[in-house]
Every structure is written in structure tokens, then in C-alpha cells.
Amino acid sequence: MADKDSSNAYWAANVRIIVISLAIWFVCSFGLGIILRPALSGISVGGADLGFWFAQNGSIYVFLILIFAYAAIMNRLDRQHGVEE
């Protein structure tokens, strides 16, 4: 029974990490790049307004950061639950 509880805890943590990552990506790509773009138009980053920057570059950078953060967090979670490679 302890093995099943450990397995359930592992997958619950995994799903929680995925949901948080998707929420962060959604906020950065859709929220900041599309919905809040007019509000961010007065802030300049590298010669372009911040809303345009998030729509063109920022969401991609956030996605790349999320990939590496997910890998690091999952490696730590795998070690905690004894399922590392």
C-alpha cells in the first residue's frame, strides 16, 4: 500500500508542476502578449514596447526557461521518489 501512496504522491506532484508551468506560460504568452498589450505599450524594452516584446520574444524566452526549470524540478522529484534514471 505504501508503494501505491508513493506513486500517487509522485503523479500528483508531477501534475501540479505541469499545471503551474502551463499557467505561467499562458499568462506570459496570452495575457501579457495579447490581452495586456495595450496597457504595456508605454513601456519600452530594446526600442519596442513591452507588449510587442512579450508577443514576439518574451513568451518564447519564458517557454525555454520553463523547459529547463521543469527538467530540474522533475529530476529533484524523481530523486525524492526513487525513480531517477
PDB file of N, CA and C in Angstrom:
ATOM      1  N   MET A   1       0.820  -1.202   0.000  1.00  0.00           N
ATOM      2  CA  MET A   1       0.000   0.000   0.000  1.00  0.00           C
ATOM      3  C   MET A   1       0.860   1.260   0.000  1.00  0.00           C
ATOM      4  N   ALA A   2       2.018   1.218   0.652  1.00  0.00           N
ATOM      5  CA  ALA A   2       2.895   2.386   0.699  1.00  0.00           C
ATOM      6  C   ALA A   2       3.425   2.723  -0.685  1.00  0.00           C
ATOM      7  N   ASP A   3       3.641   1.681  -1.524  1.00  0.00           N
ATOM      8  CA  ASP A   3       4.125   1.914  -2.880  1.00  0.00           C
ATOM      9  C   ASP A   3       3.081   2.654  -3.703  1.00  0.00           C
ATOM     10  N   LYS A   4       1.822   2.307  -3.543  1.00  0.00           N
ATOM     11  CA  LYS A   4       0.740   2.984  -4.265  1.00  0.00           C
ATOM     12  C   LYS A   4       0.597   4.429  -3.796  1.00  0.00           C
ATOM     13  N   ASP A   5       0.740   4.666  -2.492  1.00  0.00           N
ATOM     14  CA  ASP A   5       0.671   6.032  -1.963  1.00  0.00           C
ATOM     15  C   ASP A   5       1.819   6.873  -2.501  1.00  0.00           C
ATOM     16  N   SER A   6       3.008   6.275  -2.572  1.00  0.00           N
ATOM     17  CA  SER A   6       4.168   6.983  -3.108  1.00  0.00           C
ATOM     18  C   SER A   6       3.968   7.303  -4.585  1.00  0.00           C
ATOM     19  N   SER A   7       3.423   6.345  -5.323  1.00  0.00           N
ATOM     20  CA  SER A   7       3.148   6.551  -6.744  1.00  0.00           C
ATOM     21  C   SER A   7       2.118   7.657  -6.948  1.00  0.00           C
ATOM     22  N   ASN A   8       1.059   7.649  -6.140  1.00  0.00           N
ATOM     23  CA  ASN A   8       0.045   8.699  -6.233  1.00  0.00           C
ATOM     24  C   ASN A   8       0.613  10.065  -5.873  1.00  0.00           C
ATOM     25  N   ALA A   9       1.470  10.124  -4.866  1.00  0.00           N
ATOM     26  CA  ALA A   9       2.091  11.397  -4.476  1.00  0.00           C
ATOM     27  C   ALA A   9       3.006  11.907  -5.582  1.00  0.00           C
ATOM     28  N   TYR A  10       3.725  10.994  -6.221  1.00  0.00           N
ATOM     29  CA  TYR A  10       4.623  11.370  -7.324  1.00  0.00           C
ATOM     30  C   TYR A  10       3.829  11.977  -8.477  1.00  0.00           C
ATOM     31  N   TRP A  11       2.756  11.315  -8.887  1.00  0.00           N
ATOM     32  CA  TRP A  11       1.975  11.816 -10.008  1.00  0.00           C
ATOM     33  C   TRP A  11       1.202  13.078  -9.655  1.00  0.00           C
ATOM     34  N   ALA A  12       0.774  13.203  -8.427  1.00  0.00           N
ATOM     35  CA  ALA A  12       0.106  14.437  -8.004  1.00  0.00           C
ATOM     36  C   ALA A  12       1.078  15.612  -8.076  1.00  0.00           C
ATOM     37  N   ALA A  13       2.311  15.390  -7.633  1.00  0.00           N
ATOM     38  CA  ALA A  13       3.323  16.448  -7.706  1.00  0.00           C
ATOM     39  C   ALA A  13       3.657  16.765  -9.158  1.00  0.00           C
ATOM     40  N   ASN A  14       3.745  15.740  -9.995  1.00  0.00           N
ATOM     41  CA  ASN A  14       4.046  15.932 -11.411  1.00  0.00           C
ATOM     42  C   ASN A  14       2.955  16.759 -12.090  1.00  0.00           C
ATOM     43  N   VAL A  15       1.704  16.407 -11.856  1.00  0.00           N
ATOM     44  CA  VAL A  15       0.584  17.140 -12.457  1.00  0.00           C
ATOM     45  C   VAL A  15       0.553  18.581 -11.943  1.00  0.00           C
ATOM     46  N   ARG A  16       0.835  18.785 -10.658  1.00  0.00           N
ATOM     47  CA  ARG A  16       0.868  20.138 -10.100  1.00  0.00           C
ATOM     48  C   ARG A  16       1.948  20.984 -10.789  1.00  0.00           C
ATOM     49  N   ILE A  17       3.113  20.421 -11.015  1.00  0.00           N
ATOM     50  CA  ILE A  17       4.197  21.134 -11.692  1.00  0.00           C
ATOM     51  C   ILE A  17       3.796  21.487 -13.127  1.00  0.00           C
ATOM     52  N   ILE A  18       3.161  20.562 -13.818  1.00  0.00           N
ATOM     53  CA  ILE A  18       2.718  20.809 -15.196  1.00  0.00           C
ATOM     54  C   ILE A  18       1.669  21.912 -15.234  1.00  0.00           C
ATOM     55  N   VAL A  19       0.696  21.875 -14.330  1.00  0.00           N
ATOM     56  CA  VAL A  19      -0.362  22.890 -14.312  1.00  0.00           C
ATOM     57  C   VAL A  19       0.221  24.276 -14.015  1.00  0.00           C
ATOM     58  N   ILE A  20       1.141  24.359 -13.074  1.00  0.00           N
ATOM     59  CA  ILE A  20       1.774  25.641 -12.751  1.00  0.00           C
ATOM     60  C   ILE A  20       2.569  26.154 -13.943  1.00  0.00           C
ATOM     61  N   SER A  21       3.300  25.268 -14.620  1.00  0.00           N
ATOM     62  CA  SER A  21       4.082  25.671 -15.795  1.00  0.00           C
ATOM     63  C   SER A  21       3.178  26.178 -16.912  1.00  0.00           C
ATOM     64  N   LEU A  22       2.085  25.477 -17.150  1.00  0.00           N
ATOM     65  CA  LEU A  22       1.155  25.919 -18.189  1.00  0.00           C
ATOM     66  C   LEU A  22       0.497  27.248 -17.835  1.00  0.00           C
ATOM     67  N   ALA A  23       0.198  27.451 -16.564  1.00  0.00           N
ATOM     68  CA  ALA A  23      -0.400  28.723 -16.137  1.00  0.00           C
ATOM     69  C   ALA A  23       0.576  29.870 -16.340  1.00  0.00           C
ATOM     70  N   ILE A  24       1.841  29.666 -15.995  1.00  0.00           N
ATOM     71  CA  ILE A  24       2.858  30.704 -16.197  1.00  0.00           C
ATOM     72  C   ILE A  24       2.997  31.013 -17.685  1.00  0.00           C
ATOM     73  N   TRP A  25       3.061  29.980 -18.505  1.00  0.00           N
ATOM     74  CA  TRP A  25       3.206  30.185 -19.941  1.00  0.00           C
ATOM     75  C   TRP A  25       1.986  30.895 -20.522  1.00  0.00           C
ATOM     76  N   PHE A  26       0.791  30.536 -20.067  1.00  0.00           N
ATOM     77  CA  PHE A  26      -0.425  31.181 -20.543  1.00  0.00           C
ATOM     78  C   PHE A  26      -0.435  32.669 -20.189  1.00  0.00           C
ATOM     79  N   VAL A  27      -0.089  32.973 -18.947  1.00  0.00           N
ATOM     80  CA  VAL A  27      -0.082  34.376 -18.518  1.00  0.00           C
ATOM     81  C   VAL A  27       0.921  35.186 -19.344  1.00  0.00           C
ATOM     82  N   CYS A  28       2.098  34.635 -19.574  1.00  0.00           N
ATOM     83  CA  CYS A  28       3.123  35.373 -20.322  1.00  0.00           C
ATOM     84  C   CYS A  28       2.791  35.490 -21.802  1.00  0.00           C
ATOM     85  N   SER A  29       2.304  34.411 -22.419  1.00  0.00           N
ATOM     86  CA  SER A  29       2.066  34.469 -23.858  1.00  0.00           C
ATOM     87  C   SER A  29       0.728  35.119 -24.195  1.00  0.00           C
ATOM     88  N   PHE A  30      -0.340  34.649 -23.612  1.00  0.00           N
ATOM     89  CA  PHE A  30      -1.664  35.166 -23.947  1.00  0.00           C
ATOM     90  C   PHE A  30      -1.987  36.432 -23.156  1.00  0.00           C
ATOM     91  N   GLY A  31      -1.721  36.394 -21.859  1.00  0.00           N
ATOM     92  CA  GLY A  31      -2.062  37.541 -21.016  1.00  0.00           C
ATOM     93  C   GLY A  31      -1.246  38.772 -21.327  1.00  0.00           C
ATOM     94  N   LEU A  32       0.079  38.655 -21.251  1.00  0.00           N
ATOM     95  CA  LEU A  32       0.931  39.827 -21.467  1.00  0.00           C
ATOM     96  C   LEU A  32       1.097  40.159 -22.941  1.00  0.00           C
ATOM     97  N   GLY A  33       1.101  39.160 -23.805  1.00  0.00           N
ATOM     98  CA  GLY A  33       1.323  39.404 -25.227  1.00  0.00           C
ATOM     99  C   GLY A  33       0.093  39.826 -25.991  1.00  0.00           C
ATOM    100  N   ILE A  34      -1.096  39.464 -25.525  1.00  0.00           N
ATOM    101  CA  ILE A  34      -2.311  39.771 -26.278  1.00  0.00           C
ATOM    102  C   ILE A  34      -3.268  40.642 -25.464  1.00  0.00           C
ATOM    103  N   ILE A  35      -3.698  40.165 -24.308  1.00  0.00           N
ATOM    104  CA  ILE A  35      -4.725  40.872 -23.542  1.00  0.00           C
ATOM    105  C   ILE A  35      -4.200  42.185 -22.959  1.00  0.00           C
ATOM    106  N   LEU A  36      -3.043  42.146 -22.335  1.00  0.00           N
ATOM    107  CA  LEU A  36      -2.499  43.353 -21.704  1.00  0.00           C
ATOM    108  C   LEU A  36      -1.562  44.146 -22.605  1.00  0.00           C
ATOM    109  N   ARG A  37      -1.494  43.799 -23.884  1.00  0.00           N
ATOM    110  CA  ARG A  37      -0.589  44.503 -24.787  1.00  0.00           C
ATOM    111  C   ARG A  37      -0.846  46.002 -24.832  1.00  0.00           C
ATOM    112  N   PRO A  38      -2.079  46.474 -24.936  1.00  0.00           N
ATOM    113  CA  PRO A  38      -2.286  47.928 -24.960  1.00  0.00           C
ATOM    114  C   PRO A  38      -1.832  48.614 -23.664  1.00  0.00           C
ATOM    115  N   ALA A  39      -1.992  47.956 -22.541  1.00  0.00           N
ATOM    116  CA  ALA A  39      -1.578  48.549 -21.270  1.00  0.00           C
ATOM    117  C   ALA A  39      -0.064  48.603 -21.148  1.00  0.00           C
ATOM    118  N   LEU A  40       0.632  47.697 -21.808  1.00  0.00           N
ATOM    119  CA  LEU A  40       2.088  47.647 -21.727  1.00  0.00           C
ATOM    120  C   LEU A  40       2.778  48.436 -22.834  1.00  0.00           C
ATOM    121  N   SER A  41       2.002  49.093 -23.691  1.00  0.00           N
ATOM    122  CA  SER A  41       2.584  49.770 -24.850  1.00  0.00           C
ATOM    123  C   SER A  41       3.433  50.987 -24.483  1.00  0.00           C
ATOM    124  N   GLY A  42       3.247  51.541 -23.298  1.00  0.00           N
ATOM    125  CA  GLY A  42       4.033  52.711 -22.906  1.00  0.00           C
ATOM    126  C   GLY A  42       5.409  52.382 -22.366  1.00  0.00           C
ATOM    127  N   ILE A  43       5.658  51.110 -22.072  1.00  0.00           N
ATOM    128  CA  ILE A  43       6.942  50.694 -21.506  1.00  0.00           C
ATOM    129  C   ILE A  43       7.832  50.200 -22.641  1.00  0.00           C
ATOM    130  N   SER A  44       9.033  50.745 -22.741  1.00  0.00           N
ATOM    131  CA  SER A  44       9.932  50.403 -23.835  1.00  0.00           C
ATOM    132  C   SER A  44      11.010  49.417 -23.392  1.00  0.00           C
ATOM    133  N   VAL A  45      11.221  48.387 -24.222  1.00  0.00           N
ATOM    134  CA  VAL A  45      12.282  47.404 -23.985  1.00  0.00           C
ATOM    135  C   VAL A  45      13.033  47.231 -25.306  1.00  0.00           C
ATOM    136  N   GLY A  46      14.275  47.659 -25.343  1.00  0.00           N
ATOM    137  CA  GLY A  46      15.094  47.499 -26.545  1.00  0.00           C
ATOM    138  C   GLY A  46      14.524  48.177 -27.774  1.00  0.00           C
ATOM    139  N   GLY A  47      13.856  49.289 -27.616  1.00  0.00           N
ATOM    140  CA  GLY A  47      13.300  50.021 -28.740  1.00  0.00           C
ATOM    141  C   GLY A  47      11.886  49.618 -29.128  1.00  0.00           C
ATOM    142  N   ALA A  48      11.348  48.589 -28.516  1.00  0.00           N
ATOM    143  CA  ALA A  48       9.983  48.154 -28.797  1.00  0.00           C
ATOM    144  C   ALA A  48       9.175  48.216 -27.503  1.00  0.00           C
ATOM    145  N   ASP A  49       7.856  48.371 -27.650  1.00  0.00           N
ATOM    146  CA  ASP A  49       7.053  48.401 -26.426  1.00  0.00           C
ATOM    147  C   ASP A  49       6.980  47.009 -25.814  1.00  0.00           C
ATOM    148  N   LEU A  50       6.726  46.966 -24.510  1.00  0.00           N
ATOM    149  CA  LEU A  50       6.787  45.718 -23.749  1.00  0.00           C
ATOM    150  C   LEU A  50       5.748  44.696 -24.220  1.00  0.00           C
ATOM    151  N   GLY A  51       4.564  45.144 -24.594  1.00  0.00           N
ATOM    152  CA  GLY A  51       3.540  44.224 -25.086  1.00  0.00           C
ATOM    153  C   GLY A  51       3.969  43.531 -26.369  1.00  0.00           C
ATOM    154  N   PHE A  52       4.545  44.299 -27.295  1.00  0.00           N
ATOM    155  CA  PHE A  52       5.059  43.720 -28.534  1.00  0.00           C
ATOM    156  C   PHE A  52       6.200  42.756 -28.238  1.00  0.00           C
ATOM    157  N   TRP A  53       7.086  43.139 -27.305  1.00  0.00           N
ATOM    158  CA  TRP A  53       8.221  42.286 -26.955  1.00  0.00           C
ATOM    159  C   TRP A  53       7.738  40.947 -26.414  1.00  0.00           C
ATOM    160  N   PHE A  54       6.735  40.955 -25.505  1.00  0.00           N
ATOM    161  CA  PHE A  54       6.206  39.696 -24.982  1.00  0.00           C
ATOM    162  C   PHE A  54       5.535  38.873 -26.081  1.00  0.00           C
ATOM    163  N   ALA A  55       4.839  39.534 -26.990  1.00  0.00           N
ATOM    164  CA  ALA A  55       4.170  38.803 -28.062  1.00  0.00           C
ATOM    165  C   ALA A  55       5.175  38.158 -29.009  1.00  0.00           C
ATOM    166  N   GLN A  56       6.298  38.827 -29.264  1.00  0.00           N
ATOM    167  CA  GLN A  56       7.264  38.317 -30.233  1.00  0.00           C
ATOM    168  C   GLN A  56       8.376  37.479 -29.617  1.00  0.00           C
ATOM    169  N   ASN A  57       8.926  37.900 -28.483  1.00  0.00           N
ATOM    170  CA  ASN A  57      10.091  37.238 -27.914  1.00  0.00           C
ATOM    171  C   ASN A  57       9.867  36.687 -26.518  1.00  0.00           C
ATOM    172  N   GLY A  58       9.208  37.443 -25.691  1.00  0.00           N
ATOM    173  CA  GLY A  58       9.103  37.116 -24.275  1.00  0.00           C
ATOM    174  C   GLY A  58       8.488  35.772 -23.997  1.00  0.00           C
ATOM    175  N   SER A  59       7.415  35.430 -24.695  1.00  0.00           N
ATOM    176  CA  SER A  59       6.767  34.143 -24.437  1.00  0.00           C
ATOM    177  C   SER A  59       7.674  32.984 -24.838  1.00  0.00           C
ATOM    178  N   ILE A  60       8.498  33.166 -25.862  1.00  0.00           N
ATOM    179  CA  ILE A  60       9.436  32.117 -26.266  1.00  0.00           C
ATOM    180  C   ILE A  60      10.511  31.958 -25.207  1.00  0.00           C
ATOM    181  N   TYR A  61      11.036  33.072 -24.691  1.00  0.00           N
ATOM    182  CA  TYR A  61      12.049  33.004 -23.635  1.00  0.00           C
ATOM    183  C   TYR A  61      11.476  32.345 -22.375  1.00  0.00           C
ATOM    184  N   VAL A  62      10.257  32.717 -22.019  1.00  0.00           N
ATOM    185  CA  VAL A  62       9.620  32.114 -20.844  1.00  0.00           C
ATOM    186  C   VAL A  62       9.438  30.618 -21.069  1.00  0.00           C
ATOM    187  N   PHE A  63       9.044  30.211 -22.276  1.00  0.00           N
ATOM    188  CA  PHE A  63       8.884  28.802 -22.583  1.00  0.00           C
ATOM    189  C   PHE A  63      10.202  28.046 -22.426  1.00  0.00           C
ATOM    190  N   LEU A  64      11.290  28.612 -22.926  1.00  0.00           N
ATOM    191  CA  LEU A  64      12.600  27.969 -22.796  1.00  0.00           C
ATOM    192  C   LEU A  64      13.023  27.857 -21.332  1.00  0.00           C
ATOM    193  N   ILE A  65      12.790  28.902 -20.559  1.00  0.00           N
ATOM    194  CA  ILE A  65      13.113  28.867 -19.130  1.00  0.00           C
ATOM    195  C   ILE A  65      12.273  27.798 -18.436  1.00  0.00           C
ATOM    196  N   LEU A  66      10.996  27.703 -18.802  1.00  0.00           N
ATOM    197  CA  LEU A  66      10.123  26.683 -18.205  1.00  0.00           C
ATOM    198  C   LEU A  66      10.591  25.263 -18.528  1.00  0.00           C
ATOM    199  N   ILE A  67      11.129  25.052 -19.725  1.00  0.00           N
ATOM    200  CA  ILE A  67      11.630  23.725 -20.081  1.00  0.00           C
ATOM    201  C   ILE A  67      12.761  23.317 -19.154  1.00  0.00           C
ATOM    202  N   PHE A  68      13.740  24.208 -18.970  1.00  0.00           N
ATOM    203  CA  PHE A  68      14.876  23.886 -18.104  1.00  0.00           C
ATOM    204  C   PHE A  68      14.461  23.788 -16.639  1.00  0.00           C
ATOM    205  N   ALA A  69      13.551  24.652 -16.211  1.00  0.00           N
ATOM    206  CA  ALA A  69      13.070  24.594 -14.827  1.00  0.00           C
ATOM    207  C   ALA A  69      12.297  23.298 -14.600  1.00  0.00           C
ATOM    208  N   TYR A  70      11.472  22.884 -15.553  1.00  0.00           N
ATOM    209  CA  TYR A  70      10.717  21.634 -15.424  1.00  0.00           C
ATOM    210  C   TYR A  70      11.667  20.441 -15.327  1.00  0.00           C
ATOM    211  N   ALA A  71      12.688  20.432 -16.157  1.00  0.00           N
ATOM    212  CA  ALA A  71      13.654  19.321 -16.122  1.00  0.00           C
ATOM    213  C   ALA A  71      14.354  19.252 -14.768  1.00  0.00           C
ATOM    214  N   ALA A  72      14.775  20.409 -14.246  1.00  0.00           N
ATOM    215  CA  ALA A  72      15.466  20.428 -12.952  1.00  0.00           C
ATOM    216  C   ALA A  72      14.531  20.007 -11.819  1.00  0.00           C
ATOM    217  N   ILE A  73      13.313  20.510 -11.832  1.00  0.00           N
ATOM    218  CA  ILE A  73      12.348  20.172 -10.781  1.00  0.00           C
ATOM    219  C   ILE A  73      11.980  18.693 -10.850  1.00  0.00           C
ATOM    220  N   MET A  74      11.794  18.156 -12.052  1.00  0.00           N
ATOM    221  CA  MET A  74      11.436  16.745 -12.188  1.00  0.00           C
ATOM    222  C   MET A  74      12.603  15.842 -11.794  1.00  0.00           C
ATOM    223  N   ASN A  75      13.836  16.246 -12.076  1.00  0.00           N
ATOM    224  CA  ASN A  75      14.982  15.451 -11.629  1.00  0.00           C
ATOM    225  C   ASN A  75      15.017  15.363 -10.102  1.00  0.00           C
ATOM    226  N   ARG A  76      14.754  16.503  -9.454  1.00  0.00           N
ATOM    227  CA  ARG A  76      14.717  16.514  -7.988  1.00  0.00           C
ATOM    228  C   ARG A  76      13.563  15.656  -7.465  1.00  0.00           C
ATOM    229  N   LEU A  77      12.403  15.757  -8.095  1.00  0.00           N
ATOM    230  CA  LEU A  77      11.245  14.955  -7.689  1.00  0.00           C
ATOM    231  C   LEU A  77      11.502  13.461  -7.907  1.00  0.00           C
ATOM    232  N   ASP A  78      12.151  13.134  -9.028  1.00  0.00           N
ATOM    233  CA  ASP A  78      12.499  11.732  -9.285  1.00  0.00           C
ATOM    234  C   ASP A  78      13.418  11.180  -8.201  1.00  0.00           C
ATOM    235  N   ARG A  79      14.413  11.962  -7.798  1.00  0.00           N
ATOM    236  CA  ARG A  79      15.321  11.518  -6.727  1.00  0.00           C
ATOM    237  C   ARG A  79      14.581  11.340  -5.413  1.00  0.00           C
ATOM    238  N   GLN A  80      13.647  12.229  -5.108  1.00  0.00           N
ATOM    239  CA  GLN A  80      12.900  12.124  -3.857  1.00  0.00           C
ATOM    240  C   GLN A  80      12.050  10.862  -3.807  1.00  0.00           C
ATOM    241  N   HIS A  81      11.538  10.442  -4.966  1.00  0.00           N
ATOM    242  CA  HIS A  81      10.656   9.277  -5.004  1.00  0.00           C
ATOM    243  C   HIS A  81      11.377   8.006  -5.465  1.00  0.00           C
ATOM    244  N   GLY A  82      12.689   8.099  -5.680  1.00  0.00           N
ATOM    245  CA  GLY A  82      13.472   6.926  -6.032  1.00  0.00           C
ATOM    246  C   GLY A  82      13.217   6.368  -7.412  1.00  0.00           C
ATOM    247  N   VAL A  83      12.858   7.221  -8.377  1.00  0.00           N
ATOM    248  CA  VAL A  83      12.617   6.760  -9.738  1.00  0.00           C
ATOM    249  C   VAL A  83      13.547   7.437 -10.741  1.00  0.00           C
ATOM    250  N   GLU A  84      14.700   7.913 -10.247  1.00  0.00           N
ATOM    251  CA  GLU A  84      15.630   8.609 -11.156  1.00  0.00           C
ATOM    252  C   GLU A  84      16.235   7.623 -12.141  1.00  0.00           C
ATOM    253  N   GLU A  85      16.742   8.178 -13.233  1.00  0.00           N
ATOM    254  CA  GLU A  85      17.336   7.339 -14.294  1.00  0.00           C
ATOM    255  C   GLU A  85      18.705   6.855 -13.889  1.00  0.00           C
TER     256      GLU A  85
END
